[in-house]
All heavy atoms as atom14 arrays in JSON, in Angstrom:
{
  "sequence": "LVRTGMGAVGKGATWRNYKYGYGPGWDQMFAQSNFGIV",
  "atom14_mask": [
    [1, 1, 1, 1, 1, 1, 1, 1, 0, 0, 0, 0, 0, 0],
    [1, 1, 1, 1, 1, 1, 1, 0, 0, 0, 0, 0, 0, 0],
    [1, 1, 1, 1, 1, 1, 1, 1, 1, 1, 1, 0, 0, 0],
    [1, 1, 1, 1, 1, 1, 1, 0, 0, 0, 0, 0, 0, 0],
    [1, 1, 1, 1, 0, 0, 0, 0, 0, 0, 0, 0, 0, 0],
    [1, 1, 1, 1, 1, 1, 1, 1, 0, 0, 0, 0, 0, 0],
    [1, 1, 1, 1, 0, 0, 0, 0, 0, 0, 0, 0, 0, 0],
    [1, 1, 1, 1, 1, 0, 0, 0, 0, 0, 0, 0, 0, 0],
    [1, 1, 1, 1, 1, 1, 1, 0, 0, 0, 0, 0, 0, 0],
    [1, 1, 1, 1, 0, 0, 0, 0, 0, 0, 0, 0, 0, 0],
    [1, 1, 1, 1, 1, 1, 1, 1, 1, 0, 0, 0, 0, 0],
    [1, 1, 1, 1, 0, 0, 0, 0, 0, 0, 0, 0, 0, 0],
    [1, 1, 1, 1, 1, 0, 0, 0, 0, 0, 0, 0, 0, 0],
    [1, 1, 1, 1, 1, 1, 1, 0, 0, 0, 0, 0, 0, 0],
    [1, 1, 1, 1, 1, 1, 1, 1, 1, 1, 1, 1, 1, 1],
    [1, 1, 1, 1, 1, 1, 1, 1, 1, 1, 1, 0, 0, 0],
    [1, 1, 1, 1, 1, 1, 1, 1, 0, 0, 0, 0, 0, 0],
    [1, 1, 1, 1, 1, 1, 1, 1, 1, 1, 1, 1, 0, 0],
    [1, 1, 1, 1, 1, 1, 1, 1, 1, 0, 0, 0, 0, 0],
    [1, 1, 1, 1, 1, 1, 1, 1, 1, 1, 1, 1, 0, 0],
    [1, 1, 1, 1, 0, 0, 0, 0, 0, 0, 0, 0, 0, 0],
    [1, 1, 1, 1, 1, 1, 1, 1, 1, 1, 1, 1, 0, 0],
    [1, 1, 1, 1, 0, 0, 0, 0, 0, 0, 0, 0, 0, 0],
    [1, 1, 1, 1, 1, 1, 1, 0, 0, 0, 0, 0, 0, 0],
    [1, 1, 1, 1, 0, 0, 0, 0, 0, 0, 0, 0, 0, 0],
    [1, 1, 1, 1, 1, 1, 1, 1, 1, 1, 1, 1, 1, 1],
    [1, 1, 1, 1, 1, 1, 1, 1, 0, 0, 0, 0, 0, 0],
    [1, 1, 1, 1, 1, 1, 1, 1, 1, 0, 0, 0, 0, 0],
    [1, 1, 1, 1, 1, 1, 1, 1, 0, 0, 0, 0, 0, 0],
    [1, 1, 1, 1, 1, 1, 1, 1, 1, 1, 1, 0, 0, 0],
    [1, 1, 1, 1, 1, 0, 0, 0, 0, 0, 0, 0, 0, 0],
    [1, 1, 1, 1, 1, 1, 1, 1, 1, 0, 0, 0, 0, 0],
    [1, 1, 1, 1, 1, 1, 0, 0, 0, 0, 0, 0, 0, 0],
    [1, 1, 1, 1, 1, 1, 1, 1, 0, 0, 0, 0, 0, 0],
    [1, 1, 1, 1, 1, 1, 1, 1, 1, 1, 1, 0, 0, 0],
    [1, 1, 1, 1, 0, 0, 0, 0, 0, 0, 0, 0, 0, 0],
    [1, 1, 1, 1, 1, 1, 1, 1, 0, 0, 0, 0, 0, 0],
    [1, 1, 1, 1, 1, 1, 1, 0, 0, 0, 0, 0, 0, 0]
  ],
  "atom14_positions": [
    [[108.45, 96.81, 54.68], [107.84, 96.9, 53.36], [107.17, 95.57, 53.01], [107.77, 94.51, 53.11], [108.91, 97.23, 52.31], [108.41, 97.65, 50.93], [107.65, 98.96, 51.0], [109.58, 97.77, 49.96], [0.0, 0.0, 0.0], [0.0, 0.0, 0.0], [0.0, 0.0, 0.0], [0.0, 0.0, 0.0], [0.0, 0.0, 0.0], [0.0, 0.0, 0.0]],
    [[105.89, 95.67, 52.6], [105.08, 94.49, 52.27], [104.47, 94.69, 50.9], [104.11, 95.81, 50.53], [103.96, 94.29, 53.32], [102.99, 93.2, 52.89], [104.53, 93.97, 54.68], [0.0, 0.0, 0.0], [0.0, 0.0, 0.0], [0.0, 0.0, 0.0], [0.0, 0.0, 0.0], [0.0, 0.0, 0.0], [0.0, 0.0, 0.0], [0.0, 0.0, 0.0]],
    [[104.38, 93.6, 50.13], [103.6, 93.62, 48.9], [102.49, 92.59, 49.01], [102.71, 91.49, 49.53], [104.49, 93.34, 47.68], [105.41, 94.51, 47.35], [106.32, 94.23, 46.17], [107.15, 95.39, 45.87], [108.16, 95.38, 45.0], [108.45, 94.26, 44.32], [108.86, 96.48, 44.79], [0.0, 0.0, 0.0], [0.0, 0.0, 0.0], [0.0, 0.0, 0.0]],
    [[101.33, 92.95, 48.49], [100.15, 92.09, 48.61], [99.9, 91.32, 47.33], [100.46, 91.63, 46.28], [98.9, 92.92, 48.95], [98.59, 93.76, 47.82], [99.12, 93.79, 50.18], [0.0, 0.0, 0.0], [0.0, 0.0, 0.0], [0.0, 0.0, 0.0], [0.0, 0.0, 0.0], [0.0, 0.0, 0.0], [0.0, 0.0, 0.0], [0.0, 0.0, 0.0]],
    [[99.03, 90.32, 47.41], [98.64, 89.55, 46.24], [99.84, 88.89, 45.58], [100.77, 88.43, 46.23], [0.0, 0.0, 0.0], [0.0, 0.0, 0.0], [0.0, 0.0, 0.0], [0.0, 0.0, 0.0], [0.0, 0.0, 0.0], [0.0, 0.0, 0.0], [0.0, 0.0, 0.0], [0.0, 0.0, 0.0], [0.0, 0.0, 0.0], [0.0, 0.0, 0.0]],
    [[99.84, 88.87, 44.26], [100.95, 88.24, 43.52], [102.21, 89.09, 43.55], [103.29, 88.62, 43.17], [100.53, 87.96, 42.08], [99.29, 87.07, 41.94], [99.35, 85.53, 42.89], [100.67, 84.65, 42.07], [0.0, 0.0, 0.0], [0.0, 0.0, 0.0], [0.0, 0.0, 0.0], [0.0, 0.0, 0.0], [0.0, 0.0, 0.0], [0.0, 0.0, 0.0]],
    [[102.1, 90.34, 44.02], [103.28, 91.16, 44.21], [104.19, 90.62, 45.29], [105.36, 90.99, 45.38], [0.0, 0.0, 0.0], [0.0, 0.0, 0.0], [0.0, 0.0, 0.0], [0.0, 0.0, 0.0], [0.0, 0.0, 0.0], [0.0, 0.0, 0.0], [0.0, 0.0, 0.0], [0.0, 0.0, 0.0], [0.0, 0.0, 0.0], [0.0, 0.0, 0.0]],
    [[103.64, 89.75, 46.15], [104.42, 89.16, 47.23], [105.39, 88.09, 46.73], [106.27, 87.64, 47.48], [103.49, 88.57, 48.29], [0.0, 0.0, 0.0], [0.0, 0.0, 0.0], [0.0, 0.0, 0.0], [0.0, 0.0, 0.0], [0.0, 0.0, 0.0], [0.0, 0.0, 0.0], [0.0, 0.0, 0.0], [0.0, 0.0, 0.0], [0.0, 0.0, 0.0]],
    [[105.26, 87.66, 45.48], [106.2, 86.74, 44.87], [107.43, 87.54, 44.44], [107.28, 88.63, 43.87], [105.57, 86.02, 43.65], [106.57, 85.09, 42.99], [104.33, 85.26, 44.1], [0.0, 0.0, 0.0], [0.0, 0.0, 0.0], [0.0, 0.0, 0.0], [0.0, 0.0, 0.0], [0.0, 0.0, 0.0], [0.0, 0.0, 0.0], [0.0, 0.0, 0.0]],
    [[108.61, 87.02, 44.69], [109.85, 87.76, 44.46], [109.91, 88.51, 43.14], [110.13, 89.71, 43.1], [0.0, 0.0, 0.0], [0.0, 0.0, 0.0], [0.0, 0.0, 0.0], [0.0, 0.0, 0.0], [0.0, 0.0, 0.0], [0.0, 0.0, 0.0], [0.0, 0.0, 0.0], [0.0, 0.0, 0.0], [0.0, 0.0, 0.0], [0.0, 0.0, 0.0]],
    [[109.7, 87.81, 42.02], [109.78, 88.46, 40.72], [108.53, 89.27, 40.38], [108.57, 90.15, 39.52], [110.02, 87.41, 39.63], [111.41, 86.77, 39.7], [111.62, 85.82, 38.53], [113.03, 85.23, 38.56], [113.26, 84.31, 37.41], [0.0, 0.0, 0.0], [0.0, 0.0, 0.0], [0.0, 0.0, 0.0], [0.0, 0.0, 0.0], [0.0, 0.0, 0.0]],
    [[107.44, 88.95, 41.02], [106.21, 89.71, 40.77], [105.72, 89.65, 39.34], [105.13, 90.61, 38.84], [0.0, 0.0, 0.0], [0.0, 0.0, 0.0], [0.0, 0.0, 0.0], [0.0, 0.0, 0.0], [0.0, 0.0, 0.0], [0.0, 0.0, 0.0], [0.0, 0.0, 0.0], [0.0, 0.0, 0.0], [0.0, 0.0, 0.0], [0.0, 0.0, 0.0]],
    [[105.93, 88.53, 38.68], [105.59, 88.43, 37.25], [104.11, 88.6, 36.98], [103.71, 89.04, 35.89], [106.08, 87.09, 36.68], [0.0, 0.0, 0.0], [0.0, 0.0, 0.0], [0.0, 0.0, 0.0], [0.0, 0.0, 0.0], [0.0, 0.0, 0.0], [0.0, 0.0, 0.0], [0.0, 0.0, 0.0], [0.0, 0.0, 0.0], [0.0, 0.0, 0.0]],
    [[103.27, 88.24, 37.94], [101.81, 88.36, 37.75], [101.2, 89.32, 38.77], [100.01, 89.22, 39.08], [101.14, 86.97, 37.85], [101.5, 86.36, 39.1], [101.56, 86.08, 36.7], [0.0, 0.0, 0.0], [0.0, 0.0, 0.0], [0.0, 0.0, 0.0], [0.0, 0.0, 0.0], [0.0, 0.0, 0.0], [0.0, 0.0, 0.0], [0.0, 0.0, 0.0]],
    [[102.0, 90.25, 39.26], [101.56, 91.23, 40.24], [100.25, 91.88, 39.83], [99.33, 92.02, 40.62], [102.67, 92.28, 40.41], [102.39, 93.43, 41.35], [101.2, 93.88, 41.81], [103.39, 94.27, 41.95], [101.36, 94.95, 42.64], [102.7, 95.22, 42.75], [104.77, 94.34, 41.87], [103.37, 96.21, 43.47], [105.42, 95.33, 42.59], [104.74, 96.25, 43.39]],
    [[100.13, 92.29, 38.56], [99.0, 93.09, 38.12], [97.95, 92.28, 37.37], [97.07, 92.85, 36.72], [99.51, 94.25, 37.25], [100.63, 95.02, 37.96], [101.04, 96.29, 37.31], [101.45, 96.18, 35.93], [102.69, 95.92, 35.52], [103.66, 95.65, 36.41], [102.98, 95.91, 34.24], [0.0, 0.0, 0.0], [0.0, 0.0, 0.0], [0.0, 0.0, 0.0]],
    [[98.03, 90.96, 37.5], [97.09, 90.09, 36.79], [96.04, 89.46, 37.68], [94.92, 89.2, 37.25], [97.85, 88.98, 36.06], [98.81, 89.51, 35.02], [99.97, 89.74, 35.32], [98.33, 89.73, 33.81], [0.0, 0.0, 0.0], [0.0, 0.0, 0.0], [0.0, 0.0, 0.0], [0.0, 0.0, 0.0], [0.0, 0.0, 0.0], [0.0, 0.0, 0.0]],
    [[96.41, 89.19, 38.93], [95.53, 88.43, 39.84], [95.57, 89.1, 41.2], [96.65, 89.3, 41.78], [95.99, 86.98, 39.92], [95.14, 86.09, 40.79], [93.82, 85.81, 40.47], [95.67, 85.53, 41.95], [93.05, 84.99, 41.27], [94.9, 84.69, 42.77], [93.59, 84.43, 42.41], [92.82, 83.61, 43.22], [0.0, 0.0, 0.0], [0.0, 0.0, 0.0]],
    [[94.41, 89.47, 41.73], [94.34, 90.31, 42.91], [94.72, 89.61, 44.21], [95.22, 90.24, 45.14], [92.92, 90.87, 43.09], [92.46, 91.82, 42.0], [90.98, 92.14, 42.2], [90.45, 93.07, 41.13], [90.84, 94.45, 41.35], [0.0, 0.0, 0.0], [0.0, 0.0, 0.0], [0.0, 0.0, 0.0], [0.0, 0.0, 0.0], [0.0, 0.0, 0.0]],
    [[94.45, 88.3, 44.31], [94.33, 87.72, 45.64], [95.56, 87.0, 46.17], [95.75, 86.92, 47.37], [93.12, 86.78, 45.67], [91.88, 87.46, 45.17], [91.32, 87.13, 43.94], [91.29, 88.49, 45.9], [90.19, 87.78, 43.47], [90.17, 89.14, 45.44], [89.62, 88.78, 44.21], [88.52, 89.44, 43.74], [0.0, 0.0, 0.0], [0.0, 0.0, 0.0]],
    [[96.4, 86.46, 45.3], [97.56, 85.75, 45.81], [97.17, 84.48, 46.52], [96.24, 83.77, 46.12], [0.0, 0.0, 0.0], [0.0, 0.0, 0.0], [0.0, 0.0, 0.0], [0.0, 0.0, 0.0], [0.0, 0.0, 0.0], [0.0, 0.0, 0.0], [0.0, 0.0, 0.0], [0.0, 0.0, 0.0], [0.0, 0.0, 0.0], [0.0, 0.0, 0.0]],
    [[97.85, 84.2, 47.62], [97.66, 82.97, 48.41], [97.35, 83.36, 49.84], [98.06, 84.16, 50.45], [98.93, 82.13, 48.32], [98.85, 80.79, 49.02], [98.02, 79.79, 48.53], [99.63, 80.52, 50.14], [97.96, 78.55, 49.14], [99.58, 79.28, 50.77], [98.74, 78.3, 50.26], [98.68, 77.07, 50.87], [0.0, 0.0, 0.0], [0.0, 0.0, 0.0]],
    [[96.28, 82.81, 50.39], [95.88, 83.21, 51.73], [94.99, 84.44, 51.69], [94.39, 84.75, 50.64], [0.0, 0.0, 0.0], [0.0, 0.0, 0.0], [0.0, 0.0, 0.0], [0.0, 0.0, 0.0], [0.0, 0.0, 0.0], [0.0, 0.0, 0.0], [0.0, 0.0, 0.0], [0.0, 0.0, 0.0], [0.0, 0.0, 0.0], [0.0, 0.0, 0.0]],
    [[94.88, 85.18, 52.79], [94.0, 86.35, 52.82], [94.42, 87.39, 51.77], [95.6, 87.56, 51.49], [94.2, 86.92, 54.24], [94.72, 85.77, 55.04], [95.53, 84.93, 54.1], [0.0, 0.0, 0.0], [0.0, 0.0, 0.0], [0.0, 0.0, 0.0], [0.0, 0.0, 0.0], [0.0, 0.0, 0.0], [0.0, 0.0, 0.0], [0.0, 0.0, 0.0]],
    [[93.42, 88.07, 51.21], [93.68, 89.18, 50.3], [93.69, 90.48, 51.08], [92.66, 90.86, 51.64], [0.0, 0.0, 0.0], [0.0, 0.0, 0.0], [0.0, 0.0, 0.0], [0.0, 0.0, 0.0], [0.0, 0.0, 0.0], [0.0, 0.0, 0.0], [0.0, 0.0, 0.0], [0.0, 0.0, 0.0], [0.0, 0.0, 0.0], [0.0, 0.0, 0.0]],
    [[94.83, 91.17, 51.12], [94.98, 92.31, 52.02], [94.76, 93.67, 51.36], [94.78, 94.69, 52.06], [96.39, 92.3, 52.63], [96.64, 91.15, 53.56], [97.49, 90.1, 53.35], [96.05, 90.94, 54.85], [97.46, 89.24, 54.42], [96.58, 89.73, 55.36], [95.12, 91.63, 55.61], [96.22, 89.21, 56.59], [94.75, 91.12, 56.85], [95.3, 89.93, 57.33]],
    [[94.54, 93.72, 50.06], [94.43, 95.04, 49.41], [93.39, 95.93, 50.08], [93.64, 97.11, 50.34], [94.09, 94.87, 47.92], [95.29, 94.46, 47.08], [96.31, 94.04, 47.66], [95.19, 94.54, 45.85], [0.0, 0.0, 0.0], [0.0, 0.0, 0.0], [0.0, 0.0, 0.0], [0.0, 0.0, 0.0], [0.0, 0.0, 0.0], [0.0, 0.0, 0.0]],
    [[92.23, 95.37, 50.36], [91.16, 96.2, 50.93], [91.47, 96.68, 52.34], [90.88, 97.65, 52.81], [89.84, 95.43, 50.9], [89.18, 95.4, 49.54], [88.8, 96.78, 49.05], [88.21, 97.58, 49.77], [89.15, 97.09, 47.8], [0.0, 0.0, 0.0], [0.0, 0.0, 0.0], [0.0, 0.0, 0.0], [0.0, 0.0, 0.0], [0.0, 0.0, 0.0]],
    [[92.38, 96.0, 53.02], [92.75, 96.46, 54.37], [93.37, 97.85, 54.34], [93.31, 98.59, 55.33], [93.71, 95.48, 55.03], [94.01, 95.82, 56.48], [95.02, 94.58, 57.3], [96.64, 95.03, 56.73], [0.0, 0.0, 0.0], [0.0, 0.0, 0.0], [0.0, 0.0, 0.0], [0.0, 0.0, 0.0], [0.0, 0.0, 0.0], [0.0, 0.0, 0.0]],
    [[93.96, 98.21, 53.2], [94.65, 99.5, 53.11], [93.8, 100.56, 52.4], [94.27, 101.68, 52.18], [95.99, 99.31, 52.42], [96.89, 98.37, 53.17], [97.11, 97.08, 52.71], [97.49, 98.76, 54.36], [97.92, 96.2, 53.42], [98.3, 97.88, 55.07], [98.52, 96.6, 54.6], [0.0, 0.0, 0.0], [0.0, 0.0, 0.0], [0.0, 0.0, 0.0]],
    [[92.56, 100.23, 52.04], [91.63, 101.21, 51.48], [90.88, 101.88, 52.63], [90.41, 101.21, 53.55], [90.66, 100.54, 50.53], [0.0, 0.0, 0.0], [0.0, 0.0, 0.0], [0.0, 0.0, 0.0], [0.0, 0.0, 0.0], [0.0, 0.0, 0.0], [0.0, 0.0, 0.0], [0.0, 0.0, 0.0], [0.0, 0.0, 0.0], [0.0, 0.0, 0.0]],
    [[90.8, 103.18, 52.61], [90.12, 103.96, 53.66], [90.57, 103.55, 55.05], [89.75, 103.47, 55.97], [88.59, 103.83, 53.53], [88.01, 104.57, 52.35], [86.5, 104.71, 52.42], [85.86, 104.35, 53.4], [85.92, 105.23, 51.36], [0.0, 0.0, 0.0], [0.0, 0.0, 0.0], [0.0, 0.0, 0.0], [0.0, 0.0, 0.0], [0.0, 0.0, 0.0]],
    [[91.85, 103.29, 55.22], [92.34, 102.89, 56.54], [93.59, 103.68, 56.89], [94.07, 104.5, 56.11], [92.64, 101.39, 56.57], [93.93, 101.11, 56.04], [0.0, 0.0, 0.0], [0.0, 0.0, 0.0], [0.0, 0.0, 0.0], [0.0, 0.0, 0.0], [0.0, 0.0, 0.0], [0.0, 0.0, 0.0], [0.0, 0.0, 0.0], [0.0, 0.0, 0.0]],
    [[94.12, 103.39, 58.06], [95.39, 103.97, 58.5], [96.32, 102.86, 59.0], [97.02, 103.01, 59.99], [95.16, 105.02, 59.59], [94.25, 104.53, 60.71], [93.96, 103.33, 60.81], [93.81, 105.43, 61.56], [0.0, 0.0, 0.0], [0.0, 0.0, 0.0], [0.0, 0.0, 0.0], [0.0, 0.0, 0.0], [0.0, 0.0, 0.0], [0.0, 0.0, 0.0]],
    [[96.3, 101.76, 58.28], [97.09, 100.58, 58.65], [98.44, 100.53, 57.94], [99.24, 99.63, 58.2], [96.31, 99.3, 58.33], [95.01, 99.17, 59.08], [93.95, 98.46, 58.52], [94.81, 99.76, 60.32], [92.75, 98.32, 59.2], [93.6, 99.64, 60.99], [92.57, 98.92, 60.43], [0.0, 0.0, 0.0], [0.0, 0.0, 0.0], [0.0, 0.0, 0.0]],
    [[98.71, 101.43, 57.02], [99.97, 101.45, 56.3], [99.97, 102.57, 55.27], [98.98, 103.28, 55.1], [0.0, 0.0, 0.0], [0.0, 0.0, 0.0], [0.0, 0.0, 0.0], [0.0, 0.0, 0.0], [0.0, 0.0, 0.0], [0.0, 0.0, 0.0], [0.0, 0.0, 0.0], [0.0, 0.0, 0.0], [0.0, 0.0, 0.0], [0.0, 0.0, 0.0]],
    [[101.1, 102.73, 54.57], [101.27, 103.79, 53.58], [101.56, 103.12, 52.24], [102.6, 102.47, 52.07], [102.42, 104.72, 53.97], [102.16, 105.35, 55.35], [102.61, 105.81, 52.91], [103.37, 106.04, 55.94], [0.0, 0.0, 0.0], [0.0, 0.0, 0.0], [0.0, 0.0, 0.0], [0.0, 0.0, 0.0], [0.0, 0.0, 0.0], [0.0, 0.0, 0.0]],
    [[100.66, 103.26, 51.29], [100.8, 102.61, 49.98], [101.78, 103.42, 49.13], [101.59, 104.63, 48.94], [99.44, 102.47, 49.29], [99.61, 101.85, 47.91], [98.49, 101.63, 50.13], [0.0, 0.0, 0.0], [0.0, 0.0, 0.0], [0.0, 0.0, 0.0], [0.0, 0.0, 0.0], [0.0, 0.0, 0.0], [0.0, 0.0, 0.0], [0.0, 0.0, 0.0]]
  ]
}
C-alpha cells in the first residue's frame, strides 16, 4: 500500500491540499494505467 503526494506523510494533514509532495509526483502514473489499484 502506497500513498502519493502529501498523503505519504504519516498523519496526512495536508493530503488534500498540495498535489506533489517531495520528489516525483506519482498521481498521474496511476491515471489511465495498469500500474496499481487506487
